[in-house]
Every structure is written in C-alpha cells, then in structure tokens.
Amino acid sequence: MIKLFSVKEKQKKDAAAINNPKQSAGELRMQKDMSELNLAKGTTISFPDGKDKLLHFEIFLKPEDGIYKAGTFHFDFQVPTSYPHEPPKIKCKTKVFHPNIDLDGNICLNILREDWKPVLSINSIIYGLQFLFLDPNPEDPLNKEAAEMLANNKAKFESQVQAAIQRGAYIGSNHFPPCR
C-alpha cells in the first residue's frame, strides 16, 4: 500500500513538472527586469514570440536629441538562459551610419562585452544604447569610415546621418535606407 502511494505521489510530481516547467535563472531575472523596466519617451518594446517568451524581444529607440534625432532604430535582443551571468546578444536591425554599429548590426558597447556585470539590467543596456545615439564614440569604432568622418569632419558626418535618416542616402559605397 505504501508503495502505491509513493508511485501516485511521483506521478503527481511528474504531471506538475510537465504543466509547470522550471524556469531558468535567465527567465526569472528577466521577469524582474521587465517589471522594473522604465523606458524613455520614444522607446517601445515588443515580444515577437509572445509576451510570455521574455528571452527574445525587440526595442525600438527614437532619440529625441542629438545627431540621430528623429530616427527610429530597431534592436533585437536574445537573452541567454544563463543571464545575468552572460549579457544578452543584441543586433541593430536598422542599417545605420554610426561609428559604434557596423553594417551587420553588431554593436560596440562596453557593457555588452568586457564591462558586463550580473548587476546590470536590461534597463542599463537600453540606457547604454540611447547614450550611443546621443554621444557616438569614434575612439572605439566598429565602423571605421563613420568614426573617421565624425572625428575629422563632424559637420559632414551630421549632414550625412540626417540625410540617411530623413530620405535615405549613399555614404561611401553603402546605401542607408530612411529610418523615420
């Protein structure tokens, strides 16, 4: 009889595990980060796989100031299950002429690489991305052409960026579609 009870108890636990799968540390931390998310004006978030799939989401930034003002920039976030011990993988899906974003959408942001710490949050990353658009850094470039133009001829750089944002433009041999 005792054996029968232990078998039934095991079946209940197995059924509960199927209905309520364990969440990874990354999923638990993402729930916390999302509950504390404080998006700046002009910044929106979407969950292409559904709101219950927190490890993949998209951010749309629309800077209100600076060279990139009036542009809308799309970022894809892939959060590993080991988050916050590893940073999210982020790609810029908008082709943009920026010293710290290459033509493949890779982003040069120190908190996504060597300065990553588990205490940083999704909010910290979004603020970092916003700062890249307010103050591009030509000293640590992924797009050397953009960095050189910014460092050597800021007025030309600003003009080229605004033309690309507003109506699309060729800069060098690369076409940048409008991103309004």
N, C-alpha and C. Protein backbone atom coordinates (compact mmCIF):
# COMPACT_ATOMS: atom_id res chain seq x y z
N MET A 1 0.82 -1.20 0.00
CA MET A 1 0.00 0.00 0.00
C MET A 1 0.86 1.27 0.00
N ILE A 2 1.93 1.25 0.81
CA ILE A 2 2.82 2.41 0.88
C ILE A 2 3.48 2.63 -0.48
N LYS A 3 3.84 1.54 -1.14
CA LYS A 3 4.46 1.65 -2.46
C LYS A 3 3.50 2.29 -3.46
N LEU A 4 2.20 1.95 -3.37
CA LEU A 4 1.19 2.52 -4.25
C LEU A 4 1.10 4.03 -4.05
N PHE A 5 1.15 4.49 -2.79
CA PHE A 5 1.10 5.93 -2.51
C PHE A 5 2.33 6.64 -3.07
N SER A 6 3.49 6.02 -2.93
CA SER A 6 4.70 6.66 -3.44
C SER A 6 4.69 6.73 -4.97
N VAL A 7 4.13 5.73 -5.63
CA VAL A 7 4.00 5.76 -7.09
C VAL A 7 3.05 6.87 -7.51
N LYS A 8 1.91 6.98 -6.82
CA LYS A 8 0.94 8.04 -7.15
C LYS A 8 1.54 9.43 -6.89
N GLU A 9 2.29 9.56 -5.81
CA GLU A 9 2.93 10.84 -5.50
C GLU A 9 3.93 11.22 -6.59
N LYS A 10 4.71 10.25 -7.06
CA LYS A 10 5.67 10.50 -8.14
C LYS A 10 4.94 10.91 -9.41
N GLN A 11 3.82 10.27 -9.72
CA GLN A 11 3.04 10.62 -10.91
C GLN A 11 2.53 12.06 -10.81
N LYS A 12 2.09 12.47 -9.62
CA LYS A 12 1.61 13.85 -9.43
C LYS A 12 2.75 14.85 -9.66
N LYS A 13 3.93 14.53 -9.11
CA LYS A 13 5.08 15.42 -9.29
C LYS A 13 5.48 15.52 -10.75
N ASP A 14 5.48 14.38 -11.45
CA ASP A 14 5.82 14.38 -12.87
C ASP A 14 4.82 15.21 -13.68
N ALA A 15 3.53 15.06 -13.36
CA ALA A 15 2.50 15.84 -14.07
C ALA A 15 2.66 17.33 -13.78
N ALA A 16 2.97 17.67 -12.54
CA ALA A 16 3.17 19.08 -12.19
C ALA A 16 4.37 19.65 -12.92
N ALA A 17 5.42 18.86 -13.06
CA ALA A 17 6.62 19.33 -13.77
C ALA A 17 6.33 19.58 -15.24
N ILE A 18 5.47 18.77 -15.84
CA ILE A 18 5.11 18.96 -17.24
C ILE A 18 4.28 20.22 -17.40
N ASN A 19 3.33 20.43 -16.49
CA ASN A 19 2.45 21.60 -16.58
C ASN A 19 3.15 22.89 -16.16
N ASN A 20 4.10 22.81 -15.27
CA ASN A 20 4.83 23.98 -14.79
C ASN A 20 6.33 23.73 -14.94
N PRO A 21 6.86 23.85 -16.15
CA PRO A 21 8.29 23.58 -16.32
C PRO A 21 9.11 24.59 -15.51
N LYS A 22 10.26 24.13 -15.03
CA LYS A 22 11.12 25.02 -14.25
C LYS A 22 11.61 26.15 -15.13
N GLN A 23 11.66 27.33 -14.54
CA GLN A 23 12.18 28.48 -15.27
C GLN A 23 13.68 28.58 -15.03
N SER A 24 14.39 28.98 -16.06
CA SER A 24 15.83 29.17 -15.93
C SER A 24 16.09 30.44 -15.12
N ALA A 25 17.32 30.56 -14.65
CA ALA A 25 17.72 31.77 -13.92
C ALA A 25 17.50 33.00 -14.80
N GLY A 26 17.79 32.85 -16.09
CA GLY A 26 17.60 33.96 -17.02
C GLY A 26 16.15 34.39 -17.13
N GLU A 27 15.24 33.42 -17.17
CA GLU A 27 13.81 33.75 -17.26
C GLU A 27 13.33 34.44 -15.99
N LEU A 28 13.79 33.94 -14.84
CA LEU A 28 13.40 34.56 -13.57
C LEU A 28 13.92 35.99 -13.48
N ARG A 29 15.17 36.18 -13.86
CA ARG A 29 15.75 37.53 -13.81
C ARG A 29 15.06 38.45 -14.81
N MET A 30 14.69 37.92 -15.98
CA MET A 30 14.00 38.73 -16.98
C MET A 30 12.64 39.19 -16.47
N GLN A 31 11.95 38.35 -15.72
CA GLN A 31 10.67 38.77 -15.13
C GLN A 31 10.90 39.98 -14.23
N LYS A 32 11.94 39.92 -13.42
CA LYS A 32 12.27 41.04 -12.54
C LYS A 32 12.63 42.28 -13.36
N ASP A 33 13.53 42.11 -14.34
CA ASP A 33 13.95 43.25 -15.17
C ASP A 33 12.77 43.89 -15.88
N MET A 34 11.87 43.08 -16.41
CA MET A 34 10.72 43.63 -17.15
C MET A 34 9.77 44.36 -16.20
N SER A 35 9.63 43.88 -14.98
CA SER A 35 8.74 44.56 -14.03
C SER A 35 9.32 45.91 -13.61
N GLU A 36 10.64 46.06 -13.71
CA GLU A 36 11.30 47.31 -13.32
C GLU A 36 11.66 48.19 -14.52
N LEU A 37 11.26 47.77 -15.71
CA LEU A 37 11.63 48.49 -16.93
C LEU A 37 11.04 49.89 -16.94
N ASN A 38 11.87 50.87 -17.24
CA ASN A 38 11.46 52.26 -17.29
C ASN A 38 11.95 52.83 -18.62
N LEU A 39 11.12 52.71 -19.65
CA LEU A 39 11.52 53.13 -20.99
C LEU A 39 11.39 54.64 -21.15
N ALA A 40 12.37 55.22 -21.81
CA ALA A 40 12.35 56.65 -22.10
C ALA A 40 11.27 56.93 -23.14
N LYS A 41 10.84 58.18 -23.19
CA LYS A 41 9.87 58.60 -24.20
C LYS A 41 10.43 58.27 -25.58
N GLY A 42 9.59 57.72 -26.44
CA GLY A 42 10.03 57.37 -27.78
C GLY A 42 10.62 55.98 -27.89
N THR A 43 10.72 55.26 -26.78
CA THR A 43 11.26 53.90 -26.79
C THR A 43 10.12 52.92 -26.55
N THR A 44 10.03 51.91 -27.41
CA THR A 44 8.98 50.90 -27.25
C THR A 44 9.60 49.51 -27.26
N ILE A 45 8.83 48.56 -26.75
CA ILE A 45 9.28 47.17 -26.68
C ILE A 45 8.21 46.28 -27.28
N SER A 46 8.64 45.20 -27.93
CA SER A 46 7.68 44.22 -28.44
C SER A 46 8.27 42.82 -28.23
N PHE A 47 7.37 41.85 -28.16
CA PHE A 47 7.74 40.45 -27.95
C PHE A 47 7.24 39.65 -29.13
N PRO A 48 8.09 39.43 -30.15
CA PRO A 48 7.64 38.76 -31.37
C PRO A 48 7.19 37.32 -31.15
N ASP A 49 7.66 36.68 -30.09
CA ASP A 49 7.28 35.29 -29.81
C ASP A 49 6.16 35.19 -28.78
N GLY A 50 5.60 36.34 -28.37
CA GLY A 50 4.56 36.37 -27.35
C GLY A 50 5.11 36.92 -26.05
N LYS A 51 4.24 37.56 -25.27
CA LYS A 51 4.68 38.22 -24.04
C LYS A 51 5.21 37.26 -22.98
N ASP A 52 4.89 35.98 -23.10
CA ASP A 52 5.40 35.02 -22.12
C ASP A 52 6.79 34.50 -22.49
N LYS A 53 7.30 34.90 -23.63
CA LYS A 53 8.65 34.49 -24.08
C LYS A 53 9.59 35.68 -23.89
N LEU A 54 10.07 35.85 -22.67
CA LEU A 54 10.85 37.04 -22.31
C LEU A 54 12.29 37.02 -22.80
N LEU A 55 12.79 35.88 -23.25
CA LEU A 55 14.19 35.80 -23.64
C LEU A 55 14.46 36.31 -25.05
N HIS A 56 13.40 36.68 -25.75
CA HIS A 56 13.57 37.29 -27.08
C HIS A 56 12.60 38.46 -27.17
N PHE A 57 13.15 39.65 -27.40
CA PHE A 57 12.30 40.82 -27.55
C PHE A 57 13.00 41.84 -28.43
N GLU A 58 12.24 42.86 -28.80
CA GLU A 58 12.76 43.92 -29.67
C GLU A 58 12.52 45.27 -29.01
N ILE A 59 13.48 46.14 -29.20
CA ILE A 59 13.38 47.51 -28.70
C ILE A 59 13.45 48.44 -29.91
N PHE A 60 12.63 49.46 -29.90
CA PHE A 60 12.65 50.50 -30.93
C PHE A 60 12.99 51.81 -30.23
N LEU A 61 14.15 52.37 -30.55
CA LEU A 61 14.61 53.63 -29.96
C LEU A 61 14.38 54.77 -30.94
N LYS A 62 13.87 55.87 -30.41
CA LYS A 62 13.69 57.07 -31.22
C LYS A 62 14.31 58.23 -30.43
N PRO A 63 15.60 58.52 -30.68
CA PRO A 63 16.26 59.59 -29.92
C PRO A 63 15.56 60.93 -30.11
N GLU A 64 15.43 61.66 -29.01
CA GLU A 64 14.80 62.98 -29.06
C GLU A 64 15.81 64.10 -29.25
N ASP A 65 17.08 63.79 -29.05
CA ASP A 65 18.14 64.79 -29.16
C ASP A 65 19.33 64.20 -29.91
N GLY A 66 20.23 65.07 -30.31
CA GLY A 66 21.48 64.62 -30.90
C GLY A 66 21.42 64.43 -32.40
N ILE A 67 22.51 63.92 -32.93
CA ILE A 67 22.67 63.73 -34.37
C ILE A 67 21.61 62.79 -34.95
N TYR A 68 21.21 61.80 -34.18
CA TYR A 68 20.30 60.76 -34.67
C TYR A 68 18.83 61.07 -34.36
N LYS A 69 18.56 62.30 -33.96
CA LYS A 69 17.20 62.73 -33.64
C LYS A 69 16.27 62.43 -34.82
N ALA A 70 15.09 61.95 -34.53
CA ALA A 70 14.03 61.65 -35.50
C ALA A 70 14.19 60.30 -36.18
N GLY A 71 15.29 59.61 -35.95
CA GLY A 71 15.43 58.26 -36.50
C GLY A 71 14.77 57.25 -35.56
N THR A 72 14.37 56.13 -36.11
CA THR A 72 13.86 55.03 -35.29
C THR A 72 14.77 53.84 -35.54
N PHE A 73 15.30 53.28 -34.46
CA PHE A 73 16.31 52.24 -34.55
C PHE A 73 15.81 50.98 -33.85
N HIS A 74 15.85 49.89 -34.58
CA HIS A 74 15.30 48.60 -34.16
C HIS A 74 16.43 47.70 -33.66
N PHE A 75 16.28 47.19 -32.44
CA PHE A 75 17.27 46.28 -31.85
C PHE A 75 16.60 44.97 -31.47
N ASP A 76 17.28 43.88 -31.78
CA ASP A 76 16.80 42.54 -31.45
C ASP A 76 17.64 42.00 -30.29
N PHE A 77 16.96 41.62 -29.20
CA PHE A 77 17.62 41.10 -28.00
C PHE A 77 17.39 39.59 -27.90
N GLN A 78 18.46 38.83 -27.78
CA GLN A 78 18.41 37.40 -27.50
C GLN A 78 19.09 37.21 -26.14
N VAL A 79 18.29 36.83 -25.16
CA VAL A 79 18.80 36.71 -23.80
C VAL A 79 19.11 35.24 -23.51
N PRO A 80 20.35 34.93 -23.10
CA PRO A 80 20.68 33.53 -22.81
C PRO A 80 20.02 33.07 -21.51
N THR A 81 19.81 31.78 -21.39
CA THR A 81 19.22 31.25 -20.15
C THR A 81 20.16 31.46 -18.97
N SER A 82 21.44 31.71 -19.24
CA SER A 82 22.41 31.96 -18.18
C SER A 82 22.45 33.44 -17.75
N TYR A 83 21.60 34.28 -18.36
CA TYR A 83 21.50 35.68 -17.95
C TYR A 83 21.12 35.71 -16.47
N PRO A 84 21.68 36.52 -15.65
CA PRO A 84 22.52 37.69 -15.89
C PRO A 84 24.03 37.42 -15.86
N HIS A 85 24.41 36.15 -15.81
CA HIS A 85 25.85 35.86 -15.77
C HIS A 85 26.50 36.08 -17.13
N GLU A 86 25.71 36.05 -18.18
CA GLU A 86 26.17 36.39 -19.53
C GLU A 86 25.26 37.48 -20.07
N PRO A 87 25.81 38.43 -20.83
CA PRO A 87 24.97 39.51 -21.36
C PRO A 87 24.10 39.03 -22.51
N PRO A 88 23.02 39.75 -22.79
CA PRO A 88 22.21 39.43 -23.97
C PRO A 88 23.01 39.65 -25.25
N LYS A 89 22.62 38.96 -26.30
CA LYS A 89 23.17 39.20 -27.64
C LYS A 89 22.21 40.18 -28.32
N ILE A 90 22.74 41.28 -28.79
CA ILE A 90 21.90 42.34 -29.35
C ILE A 90 22.40 42.68 -30.74
N LYS A 91 21.47 42.82 -31.65
CA LYS A 91 21.78 43.24 -33.03
C LYS A 91 20.92 44.46 -33.35
N CYS A 92 21.53 45.41 -34.05
CA CYS A 92 20.78 46.54 -34.58
C CYS A 92 20.24 46.11 -35.94
N LYS A 93 18.93 46.07 -36.08
CA LYS A 93 18.30 45.63 -37.33
C LYS A 93 18.13 46.77 -38.32
N THR A 94 18.34 48.00 -37.86
CA THR A 94 18.27 49.17 -38.74
C THR A 94 19.68 49.45 -39.25
N LYS A 95 19.82 49.54 -40.56
CA LYS A 95 21.13 49.88 -41.12
C LYS A 95 21.38 51.36 -40.85
N VAL A 96 22.44 51.64 -40.11
CA VAL A 96 22.69 53.00 -39.65
C VAL A 96 24.18 53.32 -39.80
N PHE A 97 24.47 54.57 -40.18
CA PHE A 97 25.84 55.06 -40.29
C PHE A 97 26.25 55.56 -38.91
N HIS A 98 26.96 54.72 -38.18
CA HIS A 98 27.30 55.01 -36.78
C HIS A 98 28.67 54.40 -36.48
N PRO A 99 29.54 55.14 -35.79
CA PRO A 99 30.87 54.59 -35.51
C PRO A 99 30.85 53.32 -34.66
N ASN A 100 29.83 53.15 -33.83
CA ASN A 100 29.81 52.03 -32.89
C ASN A 100 28.86 50.91 -33.29
N ILE A 101 28.32 50.99 -34.52
CA ILE A 101 27.44 49.94 -35.04
C ILE A 101 27.91 49.64 -36.46
N ASP A 102 28.28 48.38 -36.70
CA ASP A 102 28.77 48.05 -38.04
C ASP A 102 27.61 47.74 -38.99
N LEU A 103 27.93 47.49 -40.24
CA LEU A 103 26.91 47.28 -41.26
C LEU A 103 26.14 45.98 -41.08
N ASP A 104 26.65 45.07 -40.25
CA ASP A 104 25.95 43.83 -39.94
C ASP A 104 25.08 43.95 -38.69
N GLY A 105 25.09 45.12 -38.05
CA GLY A 105 24.26 45.35 -36.87
C GLY A 105 24.94 45.01 -35.56
N ASN A 106 26.23 44.68 -35.60
CA ASN A 106 26.96 44.43 -34.36
C ASN A 106 27.18 45.76 -33.64
N ILE A 107 27.15 45.71 -32.32
CA ILE A 107 27.19 46.93 -31.52
C ILE A 107 28.42 46.93 -30.62
N CYS A 108 29.12 48.03 -30.61
CA CYS A 108 30.28 48.20 -29.73
C CYS A 108 29.82 49.00 -28.51
N LEU A 109 29.48 48.27 -27.47
CA LEU A 109 29.05 48.88 -26.21
C LEU A 109 29.73 48.09 -25.11
N ASN A 110 30.60 48.75 -24.36
CA ASN A 110 31.45 48.04 -23.40
C ASN A 110 30.67 47.20 -22.39
N ILE A 111 29.47 47.62 -22.00
CA ILE A 111 28.73 46.82 -21.02
C ILE A 111 28.17 45.53 -21.62
N LEU A 112 28.27 45.37 -22.92
CA LEU A 112 27.87 44.11 -23.55
C LEU A 112 29.07 43.18 -23.73
N ARG A 113 30.24 43.66 -23.36
CA ARG A 113 31.47 42.86 -23.53
C ARG A 113 32.25 42.82 -22.22
N GLU A 114 33.39 43.48 -22.21
CA GLU A 114 34.31 43.36 -21.09
C GLU A 114 33.80 43.97 -19.79
N ASP A 115 32.90 44.93 -19.85
CA ASP A 115 32.40 45.56 -18.63
C ASP A 115 31.07 44.99 -18.15
N TRP A 116 30.66 43.85 -18.71
CA TRP A 116 29.40 43.24 -18.27
C TRP A 116 29.54 42.74 -16.83
N LYS A 117 28.51 43.02 -16.03
CA LYS A 117 28.43 42.52 -14.66
C LYS A 117 26.99 42.05 -14.43
N PRO A 118 26.80 40.98 -13.67
CA PRO A 118 25.44 40.48 -13.44
C PRO A 118 24.49 41.48 -12.77
N VAL A 119 25.02 42.52 -12.14
CA VAL A 119 24.13 43.51 -11.53
C VAL A 119 23.49 44.43 -12.57
N LEU A 120 24.04 44.44 -13.79
CA LEU A 120 23.45 45.26 -14.85
C LEU A 120 22.14 44.64 -15.30
N SER A 121 21.24 45.47 -15.76
CA SER A 121 19.90 45.01 -16.15
C SER A 121 19.61 45.39 -17.60
N ILE A 122 18.46 44.95 -18.07
CA ILE A 122 18.00 45.33 -19.41
C ILE A 122 17.87 46.85 -19.48
N ASN A 123 17.39 47.46 -18.40
CA ASN A 123 17.30 48.93 -18.34
C ASN A 123 18.68 49.56 -18.59
N SER A 124 19.72 49.03 -17.96
CA SER A 124 21.08 49.55 -18.13
C SER A 124 21.51 49.48 -19.59
N ILE A 125 21.19 48.37 -20.23
CA ILE A 125 21.58 48.19 -21.64
C ILE A 125 20.85 49.18 -22.53
N ILE A 126 19.56 49.36 -22.29
CA ILE A 126 18.78 50.30 -23.11
C ILE A 126 19.31 51.72 -22.93
N TYR A 127 19.64 52.09 -21.69
CA TYR A 127 20.25 53.41 -21.46
C TYR A 127 21.58 53.52 -22.20
N GLY A 128 22.37 52.45 -22.20
CA GLY A 128 23.63 52.45 -22.93
C GLY A 128 23.43 52.65 -24.42
N LEU A 129 22.42 51.98 -24.98
CA LEU A 129 22.12 52.16 -26.41
C LEU A 129 21.68 53.59 -26.70
N GLN A 130 20.84 54.15 -25.83
CA GLN A 130 20.41 55.53 -26.01
C GLN A 130 21.60 56.48 -25.98
N PHE A 131 22.53 56.21 -25.08
CA PHE A 131 23.71 57.06 -24.97
C PHE A 131 24.57 56.99 -26.23
N LEU A 132 24.65 55.81 -26.86
CA LEU A 132 25.41 55.69 -28.11
C LEU A 132 24.88 56.64 -29.19
N PHE A 133 23.57 56.86 -29.19
CA PHE A 133 22.99 57.76 -30.19
C PHE A 133 23.15 59.22 -29.80
N LEU A 134 23.26 59.49 -28.51
CA LEU A 134 23.49 60.87 -28.07
C LEU A 134 24.96 61.27 -28.22
N ASP A 135 25.85 60.32 -27.99
CA ASP A 135 27.27 60.63 -27.98
C ASP A 135 28.07 59.48 -28.61
N PRO A 136 28.05 59.38 -29.95
CA PRO A 136 28.81 58.32 -30.60
C PRO A 136 30.29 58.42 -30.25
N ASN A 137 30.95 57.28 -30.13
CA ASN A 137 32.34 57.24 -29.70
C ASN A 137 33.26 56.83 -30.86
N PRO A 138 33.94 57.78 -31.49
CA PRO A 138 34.84 57.43 -32.60
C PRO A 138 36.14 56.78 -32.13
N GLU A 139 36.38 56.74 -30.82
CA GLU A 139 37.62 56.16 -30.28
C GLU A 139 37.58 54.64 -30.24
N ASP A 140 36.40 54.05 -30.27
CA ASP A 140 36.25 52.59 -30.17
C ASP A 140 35.28 52.13 -31.25
N PRO A 141 35.67 52.25 -32.54
CA PRO A 141 34.70 52.05 -33.62
C PRO A 141 34.57 50.61 -34.10
N LEU A 142 33.39 50.31 -34.61
CA LEU A 142 33.17 49.12 -35.42
C LEU A 142 33.06 49.53 -36.88
N ASN A 143 32.59 50.75 -37.12
CA ASN A 143 32.50 51.30 -38.47
C ASN A 143 33.56 52.40 -38.57
N LYS A 144 34.71 52.03 -39.11
CA LYS A 144 35.85 52.95 -39.17
C LYS A 144 35.57 54.17 -40.06
N GLU A 145 34.83 53.98 -41.15
CA GLU A 145 34.50 55.10 -42.03
C GLU A 145 33.69 56.15 -41.28
N ALA A 146 32.70 55.71 -40.52
CA ALA A 146 31.88 56.64 -39.73
C ALA A 146 32.72 57.32 -38.66
N ALA A 147 33.59 56.55 -38.00
CA ALA A 147 34.43 57.11 -36.94
C ALA A 147 35.38 58.18 -37.49
N GLU A 148 35.99 57.89 -38.64
CA GLU A 148 36.92 58.87 -39.24
C GLU A 148 36.19 60.14 -39.65
N MET A 149 35.00 59.99 -40.24
CA MET A 149 34.25 61.18 -40.65
C MET A 149 33.84 62.00 -39.43
N LEU A 150 33.38 61.33 -38.37
CA LEU A 150 32.98 62.04 -37.16
C LEU A 150 34.17 62.77 -36.55
N ALA A 151 35.31 62.12 -36.49
CA ALA A 151 36.50 62.72 -35.88
C ALA A 151 37.08 63.86 -36.72
N ASN A 152 37.03 63.73 -38.06
CA ASN A 152 37.69 64.69 -38.94
C ASN A 152 36.78 65.79 -39.50
N ASN A 153 35.48 65.51 -39.59
CA ASN A 153 34.56 66.49 -40.19
C ASN A 153 33.16 66.26 -39.62
N LYS A 154 32.97 66.74 -38.39
CA LYS A 154 31.71 66.49 -37.68
C LYS A 154 30.50 67.05 -38.44
N ALA A 155 30.65 68.21 -39.06
CA ALA A 155 29.53 68.81 -39.80
C ALA A 155 29.10 67.90 -40.96
N LYS A 156 30.06 67.36 -41.69
CA LYS A 156 29.74 66.45 -42.80
C LYS A 156 29.08 65.18 -42.26
N PHE A 157 29.62 64.66 -41.15
CA PHE A 157 29.06 63.46 -40.53
C PHE A 157 27.59 63.69 -40.17
N GLU A 158 27.31 64.80 -39.48
CA GLU A 158 25.93 65.11 -39.08
C GLU A 158 25.02 65.24 -40.29
N SER A 159 25.50 65.90 -41.33
CA SER A 159 24.72 66.08 -42.56
C SER A 159 24.40 64.73 -43.21
N GLN A 160 25.40 63.86 -43.30
CA GLN A 160 25.20 62.54 -43.91
C GLN A 160 24.21 61.70 -43.09
N VAL A 161 24.36 61.73 -41.77
CA VAL A 161 23.46 60.95 -40.91
C VAL A 161 22.03 61.44 -41.07
N GLN A 162 21.82 62.75 -41.04
CA GLN A 162 20.46 63.29 -41.17
C GLN A 162 19.86 62.97 -42.53
N ALA A 163 20.67 63.05 -43.59
CA ALA A 163 20.18 62.70 -44.93
C ALA A 163 19.75 61.24 -44.96
N ALA A 164 20.54 60.37 -44.37
CA ALA A 164 20.20 58.94 -44.36
C ALA A 164 18.92 58.70 -43.56
N ILE A 165 18.78 59.35 -42.41
CA ILE A 165 17.59 59.16 -41.58
C ILE A 165 16.35 59.67 -42.31
N GLN A 166 16.42 60.86 -42.88
CA GLN A 166 15.25 61.52 -43.46
C GLN A 166 14.79 60.88 -44.77
N ARG A 167 15.72 60.64 -45.69
CA ARG A 167 15.29 60.20 -47.02
C ARG A 167 16.09 59.02 -47.57
N GLY A 168 17.07 58.56 -46.80
CA GLY A 168 17.95 57.51 -47.29
C GLY A 168 19.08 58.14 -48.07
N ALA A 169 20.26 57.53 -48.01
CA ALA A 169 21.41 58.12 -48.69
C ALA A 169 22.51 57.08 -48.87
N TYR A 170 23.31 57.33 -49.89
CA TYR A 170 24.55 56.57 -50.05
C TYR A 170 25.63 57.31 -49.28
N ILE A 171 26.35 56.59 -48.45
CA ILE A 171 27.52 57.14 -47.78
C ILE A 171 28.65 56.21 -48.15
N GLY A 172 29.60 56.74 -48.89
CA GLY A 172 30.60 55.87 -49.48
C GLY A 172 29.90 54.95 -50.47
N SER A 173 30.15 53.68 -50.40
CA SER A 173 29.51 52.73 -51.31
C SER A 173 28.31 52.02 -50.68
N ASN A 174 27.90 52.45 -49.50
CA ASN A 174 26.80 51.79 -48.79
C ASN A 174 25.54 52.63 -48.80
N HIS A 175 24.43 51.98 -49.07
CA HIS A 175 23.14 52.66 -49.03
C HIS A 175 22.51 52.48 -47.66
N PHE A 176 22.05 53.58 -47.09
CA PHE A 176 21.36 53.57 -45.81
C PHE A 176 19.93 54.01 -46.06
N PRO A 177 18.95 53.11 -45.89
CA PRO A 177 17.56 53.48 -46.13
C PRO A 177 17.06 54.43 -45.04
N PRO A 178 16.00 55.20 -45.34
CA PRO A 178 15.46 56.09 -44.31
C PRO A 178 15.00 55.28 -43.10
N CYS A 179 15.09 55.86 -41.94
CA CYS A 179 14.69 55.14 -40.72
C CYS A 179 13.87 56.04 -39.81
N ARG A 180 12.87 56.65 -40.38
CA ARG A 180 11.98 57.54 -39.63
C ARG A 180 10.88 56.77 -38.98
